[in-house]
Amino acid sequence: MPVDVIGYAFAATVAAGGVLGYVKAASTPSLVMGLASGAVLGIGAYQTSNDPKNVYTSLVTSGILMGIMGARFINSGKFMPAGLVATLSLLMVARLGMRLMNQ
């Protein structure tokens, strides 16, 4: 079974972004939500690694992140970090959606 390296990398990126938000701005919500989202995405990557058809956890979590961070990007106009996370989430939704449609 192939390991979902992209899924694990995305999970690590989101978690690291939460930690970085806490370090730079002392933002506890960034820390909590970044680590929680990263953990759920890690679980989703694990599920996808064990069963390539089981993309639902990662797909839903990426979709929620895309919506929340996309709205924050539109409101602030700042690409970092909201625009980056929204873009990466969009790419993950597209990737997982394609995988789901090809089943």
PDB file of N, CA and C in Angstrom:
ATOM      1  N   MET A   1       0.830  -1.185   0.000  1.00  0.00           N
ATOM      2  CA  MET A   1       0.000   0.000   0.000  1.00  0.00           C
ATOM      3  C   MET A   1       0.878   1.253   0.000  1.00  0.00           C
ATOM      4  N   PRO A   2       0.587   2.200  -0.884  1.00  0.00           N
ATOM      5  CA  PRO A   2       1.378   3.423  -0.914  1.00  0.00           C
ATOM      6  C   PRO A   2       1.033   4.347   0.253  1.00  0.00           C
ATOM      7  N   VAL A   3       2.044   4.977   0.778  1.00  0.00           N
ATOM      8  CA  VAL A   3       1.851   5.941   1.861  1.00  0.00           C
ATOM      9  C   VAL A   3       1.452   7.278   1.252  1.00  0.00           C
ATOM     10  N   ASP A   4       0.485   7.944   1.848  1.00  0.00           N
ATOM     11  CA  ASP A   4       0.011   9.244   1.367  1.00  0.00           C
ATOM     12  C   ASP A   4       0.973  10.336   1.845  1.00  0.00           C
ATOM     13  N   VAL A   5       2.097  10.431   1.169  1.00  0.00           N
ATOM     14  CA  VAL A   5       3.139  11.387   1.559  1.00  0.00           C
ATOM     15  C   VAL A   5       2.625  12.813   1.458  1.00  0.00           C
ATOM     16  N   ILE A   6       1.866  13.106   0.416  1.00  0.00           N
ATOM     17  CA  ILE A   6       1.341  14.463   0.230  1.00  0.00           C
ATOM     18  C   ILE A   6       0.391  14.811   1.373  1.00  0.00           C
ATOM     19  N   GLY A   7      -0.444  13.866   1.768  1.00  0.00           N
ATOM     20  CA  GLY A   7      -1.369  14.098   2.875  1.00  0.00           C
ATOM     21  C   GLY A   7      -0.646  14.347   4.191  1.00  0.00           C
ATOM     22  N   TYR A   8       0.384  13.540   4.463  1.00  0.00           N
ATOM     23  CA  TYR A   8       1.158  13.744   5.686  1.00  0.00           C
ATOM     24  C   TYR A   8       1.915  15.073   5.652  1.00  0.00           C
ATOM     25  N   ALA A   9       2.438  15.443   4.478  1.00  0.00           N
ATOM     26  CA  ALA A   9       3.153  16.721   4.357  1.00  0.00           C
ATOM     27  C   ALA A   9       2.200  17.899   4.587  1.00  0.00           C
ATOM     28  N   PHE A  10       0.990  17.798   4.069  1.00  0.00           N
ATOM     29  CA  PHE A  10       0.002  18.856   4.282  1.00  0.00           C
ATOM     30  C   PHE A  10      -0.364  18.954   5.761  1.00  0.00           C
ATOM     31  N   ALA A  11      -0.561  17.810   6.398  1.00  0.00           N
ATOM     32  CA  ALA A  11      -0.874  17.799   7.835  1.00  0.00           C
ATOM     33  C   ALA A  11       0.245  18.449   8.636  1.00  0.00           C
ATOM     34  N   ALA A  12       1.481  18.115   8.313  1.00  0.00           N
ATOM     35  CA  ALA A  12       2.629  18.693   9.030  1.00  0.00           C
ATOM     36  C   ALA A  12       2.731  20.196   8.773  1.00  0.00           C
ATOM     37  N   THR A  13       2.434  20.624   7.559  1.00  0.00           N
ATOM     38  CA  THR A  13       2.490  22.045   7.220  1.00  0.00           C
ATOM     39  C   THR A  13       1.451  22.842   8.006  1.00  0.00           C
ATOM     40  N   VAL A  14       0.235  22.300   8.094  1.00  0.00           N
ATOM     41  CA  VAL A  14      -0.824  22.988   8.839  1.00  0.00           C
ATOM     42  C   VAL A  14      -0.473  23.053  10.328  1.00  0.00           C
ATOM     43  N   ALA A  15       0.015  21.951  10.884  1.00  0.00           N
ATOM     44  CA  ALA A  15       0.398  21.936  12.301  1.00  0.00           C
ATOM     45  C   ALA A  15       1.553  22.899  12.563  1.00  0.00           C
ATOM     46  N   ALA A  16       2.545  22.896  11.683  1.00  0.00           N
ATOM     47  CA  ALA A  16       3.683  23.807  11.843  1.00  0.00           C
ATOM     48  C   ALA A  16       3.241  25.262  11.727  1.00  0.00           C
ATOM     49  N   GLY A  17       2.279  25.529  10.859  1.00  0.00           N
ATOM     50  CA  GLY A  17       1.749  26.892  10.735  1.00  0.00           C
ATOM     51  C   GLY A  17       1.078  27.357  12.012  1.00  0.00           C
ATOM     52  N   GLY A  18       0.375  26.446  12.687  1.00  0.00           N
ATOM     53  CA  GLY A  18      -0.232  26.792  13.970  1.00  0.00           C
ATOM     54  C   GLY A  18       0.806  27.123  15.024  1.00  0.00           C
ATOM     55  N   VAL A  19       1.871  26.317  15.047  1.00  0.00           N
ATOM     56  CA  VAL A  19       2.961  26.572  16.005  1.00  0.00           C
ATOM     57  C   VAL A  19       3.653  27.890  15.679  1.00  0.00           C
ATOM     58  N   LEU A  20       3.893  28.134  14.395  1.00  0.00           N
ATOM     59  CA  LEU A  20       4.538  29.381  13.986  1.00  0.00           C
ATOM     60  C   LEU A  20       3.683  30.600  14.327  1.00  0.00           C
ATOM     61  N   GLY A  21       2.365  30.473  14.148  1.00  0.00           N
ATOM     62  CA  GLY A  21       1.460  31.567  14.522  1.00  0.00           C
ATOM     63  C   GLY A  21       1.512  31.861  16.001  1.00  0.00           C
ATOM     64  N   TYR A  22       1.673  30.809  16.799  1.00  0.00           N
ATOM     65  CA  TYR A  22       1.784  31.005  18.246  1.00  0.00           C
ATOM     66  C   TYR A  22       3.112  31.668  18.607  1.00  0.00           C
ATOM     67  N   VAL A  23       4.181  31.223  17.981  1.00  0.00           N
ATOM     68  CA  VAL A  23       5.510  31.765  18.289  1.00  0.00           C
ATOM     69  C   VAL A  23       5.616  33.225  17.867  1.00  0.00           C
ATOM     70  N   LYS A  24       5.137  33.554  16.670  1.00  0.00           N
ATOM     71  CA  LYS A  24       5.288  34.913  16.160  1.00  0.00           C
ATOM     72  C   LYS A  24       4.313  35.909  16.784  1.00  0.00           C
ATOM     73  N   ALA A  25       3.064  35.472  17.036  1.00  0.00           N
ATOM     74  CA  ALA A  25       2.041  36.425  17.467  1.00  0.00           C
ATOM     75  C   ALA A  25       1.402  36.061  18.806  1.00  0.00           C
ATOM     76  N   ALA A  26       1.940  35.038  19.465  1.00  0.00           N
ATOM     77  CA  ALA A  26       1.373  34.560  20.737  1.00  0.00           C
ATOM     78  C   ALA A  26      -0.118  34.257  20.591  1.00  0.00           C
ATOM     79  N   SER A  27      -0.481  33.708  19.441  1.00  0.00           N
ATOM     80  CA  SER A  27      -1.879  33.422  19.132  1.00  0.00           C
ATOM     81  C   SER A  27      -2.220  31.995  19.557  1.00  0.00           C
ATOM     82  N   THR A  28      -2.862  31.883  20.709  1.00  0.00           N
ATOM     83  CA  THR A  28      -3.277  30.569  21.194  1.00  0.00           C
ATOM     84  C   THR A  28      -4.291  29.916  20.261  1.00  0.00           C
ATOM     85  N   PRO A  29      -5.264  30.661  19.693  1.00  0.00           N
ATOM     86  CA  PRO A  29      -6.177  30.018  18.739  1.00  0.00           C
ATOM     87  C   PRO A  29      -5.448  29.418  17.530  1.00  0.00           C
ATOM     88  N   SER A  30      -4.405  30.090  17.049  1.00  0.00           N
ATOM     89  CA  SER A  30      -3.628  29.543  15.937  1.00  0.00           C
ATOM     90  C   SER A  30      -2.976  28.230  16.327  1.00  0.00           C
ATOM     91  N   LEU A  31      -2.428  28.191  17.522  1.00  0.00           N
ATOM     92  CA  LEU A  31      -1.779  26.978  17.996  1.00  0.00           C
ATOM     93  C   LEU A  31      -2.777  25.833  18.111  1.00  0.00           C
ATOM     94  N   VAL A  32      -3.887  26.087  18.776  1.00  0.00           N
ATOM     95  CA  VAL A  32      -4.882  25.035  19.012  1.00  0.00           C
ATOM     96  C   VAL A  32      -5.479  24.550  17.690  1.00  0.00           C
ATOM     97  N   MET A  33      -5.909  25.473  16.856  1.00  0.00           N
ATOM     98  CA  MET A  33      -6.553  25.068  15.604  1.00  0.00           C
ATOM     99  C   MET A  33      -5.553  24.469  14.617  1.00  0.00           C
ATOM    100  N   GLY A  34      -4.338  24.984  14.585  1.00  0.00           N
ATOM    101  CA  GLY A  34      -3.318  24.411  13.702  1.00  0.00           C
ATOM    102  C   GLY A  34      -2.980  22.989  14.094  1.00  0.00           C
ATOM    103  N   LEU A  35      -2.775  22.761  15.397  1.00  0.00           N
ATOM    104  CA  LEU A  35      -2.458  21.408  15.849  1.00  0.00           C
ATOM    105  C   LEU A  35      -3.642  20.464  15.692  1.00  0.00           C
ATOM    106  N   ALA A  36      -4.848  20.952  15.983  1.00  0.00           N
ATOM    107  CA  ALA A  36      -6.038  20.104  15.839  1.00  0.00           C
ATOM    108  C   ALA A  36      -6.283  19.752  14.370  1.00  0.00           C
ATOM    109  N   SER A  37      -6.198  20.745  13.495  1.00  0.00           N
ATOM    110  CA  SER A  37      -6.399  20.488  12.065  1.00  0.00           C
ATOM    111  C   SER A  37      -5.310  19.574  11.521  1.00  0.00           C
ATOM    112  N   GLY A  38      -4.075  19.817  11.936  1.00  0.00           N
ATOM    113  CA  GLY A  38      -2.974  18.968  11.502  1.00  0.00           C
ATOM    114  C   GLY A  38      -3.152  17.528  11.964  1.00  0.00           C
ATOM    115  N   ALA A  39      -3.648  17.359  13.192  1.00  0.00           N
ATOM    116  CA  ALA A  39      -3.869  16.004  13.710  1.00  0.00           C
ATOM    117  C   ALA A  39      -4.967  15.290  12.924  1.00  0.00           C
ATOM    118  N   VAL A  40      -6.059  15.990  12.652  1.00  0.00           N
ATOM    119  CA  VAL A  40      -7.154  15.377  11.888  1.00  0.00           C
ATOM    120  C   VAL A  40      -6.689  15.062  10.462  1.00  0.00           C
ATOM    121  N   LEU A  41      -5.915  15.957   9.864  1.00  0.00           N
ATOM    122  CA  LEU A  41      -5.376  15.687   8.530  1.00  0.00           C
ATOM    123  C   LEU A  41      -4.395  14.516   8.557  1.00  0.00           C
ATOM    124  N   GLY A  42      -3.637  14.381   9.637  1.00  0.00           N
ATOM    125  CA  GLY A  42      -2.745  13.233   9.788  1.00  0.00           C
ATOM    126  C   GLY A  42      -3.523  11.927   9.878  1.00  0.00           C
ATOM    127  N   ILE A  43      -4.628  11.956  10.609  1.00  0.00           N
ATOM    128  CA  ILE A  43      -5.498  10.776  10.693  1.00  0.00           C
ATOM    129  C   ILE A  43      -6.057  10.460   9.303  1.00  0.00           C
ATOM    130  N   GLY A  44      -6.457  11.488   8.590  1.00  0.00           N
ATOM    131  CA  GLY A  44      -6.965  11.286   7.235  1.00  0.00           C
ATOM    132  C   GLY A  44      -5.908  10.704   6.301  1.00  0.00           C
ATOM    133  N   ALA A  45      -4.670  11.181   6.424  1.00  0.00           N
ATOM    134  CA  ALA A  45      -3.583  10.639   5.604  1.00  0.00           C
ATOM    135  C   ALA A  45      -3.316   9.180   5.961  1.00  0.00           C
ATOM    136  N   TYR A  46      -3.411   8.850   7.233  1.00  0.00           N
ATOM    137  CA  TYR A  46      -3.256   7.463   7.669  1.00  0.00           C
ATOM    138  C   TYR A  46      -4.355   6.586   7.064  1.00  0.00           C
ATOM    139  N   GLN A  47      -5.594   7.075   7.116  1.00  0.00           N
ATOM    140  CA  GLN A  47      -6.710   6.318   6.545  1.00  0.00           C
ATOM    141  C   GLN A  47      -6.532   6.125   5.046  1.00  0.00           C
ATOM    142  N   THR A  48      -6.103   7.172   4.360  1.00  0.00           N
ATOM    143  CA  THR A  48      -5.895   7.088   2.921  1.00  0.00           C
ATOM    144  C   THR A  48      -4.732   6.159   2.584  1.00  0.00           C
ATOM    145  N   SER A  49      -3.717   6.130   3.447  1.00  0.00           N
ATOM    146  CA  SER A  49      -2.594   5.223   3.227  1.00  0.00           C
ATOM    147  C   SER A  49      -3.037   3.770   3.350  1.00  0.00           C
ATOM    148  N   ASN A  50      -3.954   3.489   4.266  1.00  0.00           N
ATOM    149  CA  ASN A  50      -4.431   2.124   4.463  1.00  0.00           C
ATOM    150  C   ASN A  50      -5.479   1.718   3.436  1.00  0.00           C
ATOM    151  N   ASP A  51      -6.282   2.662   2.989  1.00  0.00           N
ATOM    152  CA  ASP A  51      -7.321   2.403   1.995  1.00  0.00           C
ATOM    153  C   ASP A  51      -7.426   3.628   1.093  1.00  0.00           C
ATOM    154  N   PRO A  52      -6.856   3.576  -0.109  1.00  0.00           N
ATOM    155  CA  PRO A  52      -6.842   4.745  -0.990  1.00  0.00           C
ATOM    156  C   PRO A  52      -8.225   5.316  -1.310  1.00  0.00           C
ATOM    157  N   LYS A  53      -9.278   4.546  -1.090  1.00  0.00           N
ATOM    158  CA  LYS A  53     -10.635   5.039  -1.348  1.00  0.00           C
ATOM    159  C   LYS A  53     -11.205   5.817  -0.163  1.00  0.00           C
ATOM    160  N   ASN A  54     -10.578   5.731   0.990  1.00  0.00           N
ATOM    161  CA  ASN A  54     -11.077   6.371   2.202  1.00  0.00           C
ATOM    162  C   ASN A  54     -10.491   7.788   2.320  1.00  0.00           C
ATOM    163  N   VAL A  55     -11.048   8.703   1.553  1.00  0.00           N
ATOM    164  CA  VAL A  55     -10.522  10.072   1.498  1.00  0.00           C
ATOM    165  C   VAL A  55     -11.392  11.071   2.252  1.00  0.00           C
ATOM    166  N   TYR A  56     -12.458  10.598   2.872  1.00  0.00           N
ATOM    167  CA  TYR A  56     -13.479  11.504   3.392  1.00  0.00           C
ATOM    168  C   TYR A  56     -12.981  12.412   4.518  1.00  0.00           C
ATOM    169  N   THR A  57     -12.215  11.885   5.452  1.00  0.00           N
ATOM    170  CA  THR A  57     -11.723  12.715   6.564  1.00  0.00           C
ATOM    171  C   THR A  57     -10.841  13.841   6.035  1.00  0.00           C
ATOM    172  N   SER A  58      -9.912  13.497   5.164  1.00  0.00           N
ATOM    173  CA  SER A  58      -9.021  14.511   4.598  1.00  0.00           C
ATOM    174  C   SER A  58      -9.789  15.497   3.725  1.00  0.00           C
ATOM    175  N   LEU A  59     -10.741  14.993   2.962  1.00  0.00           N
ATOM    176  CA  LEU A  59     -11.507  15.850   2.058  1.00  0.00           C
ATOM    177  C   LEU A  59     -12.348  16.868   2.828  1.00  0.00           C
ATOM    178  N   VAL A  60     -13.044  16.417   3.848  1.00  0.00           N
ATOM    179  CA  VAL A  60     -13.888  17.327   4.634  1.00  0.00           C
ATOM    180  C   VAL A  60     -13.034  18.351   5.380  1.00  0.00           C
ATOM    181  N   THR A  61     -11.951  17.893   6.002  1.00  0.00           N
ATOM    182  CA  THR A  61     -11.083  18.801   6.748  1.00  0.00           C
ATOM    183  C   THR A  61     -10.441  19.829   5.826  1.00  0.00           C
ATOM    184  N   SER A  62      -9.971  19.387   4.666  1.00  0.00           N
ATOM    185  CA  SER A  62      -9.378  20.324   3.701  1.00  0.00           C
ATOM    186  C   SER A  62     -10.411  21.313   3.193  1.00  0.00           C
ATOM    187  N   GLY A  63     -11.640  20.853   2.982  1.00  0.00           N
ATOM    188  CA  GLY A  63     -12.705  21.745   2.530  1.00  0.00           C
ATOM    189  C   GLY A  63     -13.035  22.812   3.567  1.00  0.00           C
ATOM    190  N   ILE A  64     -13.083  22.398   4.830  1.00  0.00           N
ATOM    191  CA  ILE A  64     -13.352  23.367   5.905  1.00  0.00           C
ATOM    192  C   ILE A  64     -12.223  24.385   5.992  1.00  0.00           C
ATOM    193  N   LEU A  65     -10.978  23.913   5.939  1.00  0.00           N
ATOM    194  CA  LEU A  65      -9.840  24.832   5.973  1.00  0.00           C
ATOM    195  C   LEU A  65      -9.863  25.783   4.780  1.00  0.00           C
ATOM    196  N   MET A  66     -10.201  25.246   3.615  1.00  0.00           N
ATOM    197  CA  MET A  66     -10.263  26.087   2.417  1.00  0.00           C
ATOM    198  C   MET A  66     -11.295  27.202   2.596  1.00  0.00           C
ATOM    199  N   GLY A  67     -12.450  26.861   3.133  1.00  0.00           N
ATOM    200  CA  GLY A  67     -13.488  27.868   3.324  1.00  0.00           C
ATOM    201  C   GLY A  67     -13.113  28.924   4.352  1.00  0.00           C
ATOM    202  N   ILE A  68     -12.634  28.475   5.498  1.00  0.00           N
ATOM    203  CA  ILE A  68     -12.289  29.419   6.573  1.00  0.00           C
ATOM    204  C   ILE A  68     -11.121  30.307   6.177  1.00  0.00           C
ATOM    205  N   MET A  69     -10.057  29.678   5.697  1.00  0.00           N
ATOM    206  CA  MET A  69      -8.866  30.465   5.368  1.00  0.00           C
ATOM    207  C   MET A  69      -9.061  31.279   4.090  1.00  0.00           C
ATOM    208  N   GLY A  70      -9.902  30.789   3.177  1.00  0.00           N
ATOM    209  CA  GLY A  70     -10.221  31.576   1.988  1.00  0.00           C
ATOM    210  C   GLY A  70     -10.960  32.853   2.353  1.00  0.00           C
ATOM    211  N   ALA A  71     -11.907  32.737   3.280  1.00  0.00           N
ATOM    212  CA  ALA A  71     -12.630  33.929   3.740  1.00  0.00           C
ATOM    213  C   ALA A  71     -11.692  34.901   4.454  1.00  0.00           C
ATOM    214  N   ARG A  72     -10.779  34.358   5.254  1.00  0.00           N
ATOM    215  CA  ARG A  72      -9.821  35.246   5.946  1.00  0.00           C
ATOM    216  C   ARG A  72      -8.913  35.948   4.945  1.00  0.00           C
ATOM    217  N   PHE A  73      -8.509  35.225   3.893  1.00  0.00           N
ATOM    218  CA  PHE A  73      -7.672  35.835   2.863  1.00  0.00           C
ATOM    219  C   PHE A  73      -8.422  36.944   2.129  1.00  0.00           C
ATOM    220  N   ILE A  74      -9.681  36.698   1.788  1.00  0.00           N
ATOM    221  CA  ILE A  74     -10.476  37.713   1.087  1.00  0.00           C
ATOM    222  C   ILE A  74     -10.656  38.951   1.965  1.00  0.00           C
ATOM    223  N   ASN A  75     -10.904  38.745   3.255  1.00  0.00           N
ATOM    224  CA  ASN A  75     -11.113  39.882   4.159  1.00  0.00           C
ATOM    225  C   ASN A  75      -9.843  40.660   4.428  1.00  0.00           C
ATOM    226  N   SER A  76      -8.706  39.970   4.565  1.00  0.00           N
ATOM    227  CA  SER A  76      -7.464  40.649   4.922  1.00  0.00           C
ATOM    228  C   SER A  76      -6.644  41.065   3.707  1.00  0.00           C
ATOM    229  N   GLY A  77      -6.744  40.305   2.613  1.00  0.00           N
ATOM    230  CA  GLY A  77      -5.927  40.584   1.438  1.00  0.00           C
ATOM    231  C   GLY A  77      -4.486  40.148   1.598  1.00  0.00           C
ATOM    232  N   LYS A  78      -4.154  39.530   2.721  1.00  0.00           N
ATOM    233  CA  LYS A  78      -2.781  39.091   2.978  1.00  0.00           C
ATOM    234  C   LYS A  78      -2.646  37.615   2.603  1.00  0.00           C
ATOM    235  N   PHE A  79      -1.649  37.324   1.757  1.00  0.00           N
ATOM    236  CA  PHE A  79      -1.463  35.945   1.320  1.00  0.00           C
ATOM    237  C   PHE A  79      -0.960  35.052   2.444  1.00  0.00           C
ATOM    238  N   MET A  80      -0.113  35.590   3.303  1.00  0.00           N
ATOM    239  CA  MET A  80       0.438  34.780   4.395  1.00  0.00           C
ATOM    240  C   MET A  80      -0.303  35.083   5.682  1.00  0.00           C
ATOM    241  N   PRO A  81      -0.783  34.113   6.378  1.00  0.00           N
ATOM    242  CA  PRO A  81      -0.791  32.683   6.093  1.00  0.00           C
ATOM    243  C   PRO A  81      -2.092  32.204   5.445  1.00  0.00           C
ATOM    244  N   ALA A  82      -3.139  33.043   5.513  1.00  0.00           N
ATOM    245  CA  ALA A  82      -4.466  32.579   5.101  1.00  0.00           C
ATOM    246  C   ALA A  82      -4.516  32.184   3.624  1.00  0.00           C
ATOM    247  N   GLY A  83      -3.938  32.974   2.757  1.00  0.00           N
ATOM    248  CA  GLY A  83      -3.956  32.670   1.331  1.00  0.00           C
ATOM    249  C   GLY A  83      -3.203  31.399   1.002  1.00  0.00           C
ATOM    250  N   LEU A  84      -2.080  31.188   1.666  1.00  0.00           N
ATOM    251  CA  LEU A  84      -1.293  29.978   1.435  1.00  0.00           C
ATOM    252  C   LEU A  84      -2.060  28.736   1.864  1.00  0.00           C
ATOM    253  N   VAL A  85      -2.637  28.765   3.050  1.00  0.00           N
ATOM    254  CA  VAL A  85      -3.389  27.611   3.544  1.00  0.00           C
ATOM    255  C   VAL A  85      -4.626  27.374   2.682  1.00  0.00           C
ATOM    256  N   ALA A  86      -5.291  28.436   2.260  1.00  0.00           N
ATOM    257  CA  ALA A  86      -6.459  28.286   1.392  1.00  0.00           C
ATOM    258  C   ALA A  86      -6.062  27.661   0.054  1.00  0.00           C
ATOM    259  N   THR A  87      -4.940  28.090  -0.503  1.00  0.00           N
ATOM    260  CA  THR A  87      -4.468  27.540  -1.772  1.00  0.00           C
ATOM    261  C   THR A  87      -4.088  26.076  -1.637  1.00  0.00           C
ATOM    262  N   LEU A  88      -3.328  25.748  -0.591  1.00  0.00           N
ATOM    263  CA  LEU A  88      -2.945  24.352  -0.376  1.00  0.00           C
ATOM    264  C   LEU A  88      -4.175  23.480  -0.120  1.00  0.00           C
ATOM    265  N   SER A  89      -5.133  24.024   0.608  1.00  0.00           N
ATOM    266  CA  SER A  89      -6.368  23.282   0.879  1.00  0.00           C
ATOM    267  C   SER A  89      -7.150  23.050  -0.405  1.00  0.00           C
ATOM    268  N   LEU A  90      -7.208  24.067  -1.256  1.00  0.00           N
ATOM    269  CA  LEU A  90      -7.881  23.921  -2.548  1.00  0.00           C
ATOM    270  C   LEU A  90      -7.227  22.822  -3.379  1.00  0.00           C
ATOM    271  N   LEU A  91      -5.896  22.801  -3.383  1.00  0.00           N
ATOM    272  CA  LEU A  91      -5.188  21.758  -4.125  1.00  0.00           C
ATOM    273  C   LEU A  91      -5.479  20.368  -3.552  1.00  0.00           C
ATOM    274  N   MET A  92      -5.563  20.277  -2.225  1.00  0.00           N
ATOM    275  CA  MET A  92      -5.884  18.983  -1.609  1.00  0.00           C
ATOM    276  C   MET A  92      -7.314  18.565  -1.922  1.00  0.00           C
ATOM    277  N   VAL A  93      -8.254  19.502  -1.892  1.00  0.00           N
ATOM    278  CA  VAL A  93      -9.640  19.181  -2.232  1.00  0.00           C
ATOM    279  C   VAL A  93      -9.711  18.692  -3.677  1.00  0.00           C
ATOM    280  N   ALA A  94      -9.004  19.353  -4.582  1.00  0.00           N
ATOM    281  CA  ALA A  94      -8.992  18.927  -5.985  1.00  0.00           C
ATOM    282  C   ALA A  94      -8.376  17.538  -6.119  1.00  0.00           C
ATOM    283  N   ARG A  95      -7.267  17.304  -5.449  1.00  0.00           N
ATOM    284  CA  ARG A  95      -6.592  15.998  -5.507  1.00  0.00           C
ATOM    285  C   ARG A  95      -7.491  14.890  -4.977  1.00  0.00           C
ATOM    286  N   LEU A  96      -8.071  15.119  -3.821  1.00  0.00           N
ATOM    287  CA  LEU A  96      -8.918  14.096  -3.200  1.00  0.00           C
ATOM    288  C   LEU A  96     -10.236  13.933  -3.960  1.00  0.00           C
ATOM    289  N   GLY A  97     -10.763  15.018  -4.490  1.00  0.00           N
ATOM    290  CA  GLY A  97     -11.977  14.932  -5.294  1.00  0.00           C
ATOM    291  C   GLY A  97     -11.760  14.115  -6.555  1.00  0.00           C
ATOM    292  N   MET A  98     -10.613  14.307  -7.192  1.00  0.00           N
ATOM    293  CA  MET A  98     -10.269  13.505  -8.377  1.00  0.00           C
ATOM    294  C   MET A  98     -10.140  12.028  -8.004  1.00  0.00           C
ATOM    295  N   ARG A  99      -9.515  11.778  -6.879  1.00  0.00           N
ATOM    296  CA  ARG A  99      -9.365  10.391  -6.428  1.00  0.00           C
ATOM    297  C   ARG A  99     -10.733   9.770  -6.162  1.00  0.00           C
ATOM    298  N   LEU A 100     -11.631  10.540  -5.583  1.00  0.00           N
ATOM    299  CA  LEU A 100     -12.969  10.049  -5.275  1.00  0.00           C
ATOM    300  C   LEU A 100     -13.776   9.786  -6.557  1.00  0.00           C
ATOM    301  N   MET A 101     -13.633  10.665  -7.541  1.00  0.00           N
ATOM    302  CA  MET A 101     -14.357  10.484  -8.794  1.00  0.00           C
ATOM    303  C   MET A 101     -13.815   9.316  -9.621  1.00  0.00           C
ATOM    304  N   ASN A 102     -12.542   8.991  -9.458  1.00  0.00           N
ATOM    305  CA  ASN A 102     -11.949   7.889 -10.216  1.00  0.00           C
ATOM    306  C   ASN A 102     -12.152   6.534  -9.597  1.00  0.00           C
ATOM    307  N   GLN A 103     -12.924   6.454  -8.528  1.00  0.00           N
ATOM    308  CA  GLN A 103     -13.165   5.172  -7.871  1.00  0.00           C
ATOM    309  C   GLN A 103     -14.146   4.348  -8.650  1.00  0.00           C
TER     310      GLN A 103
END
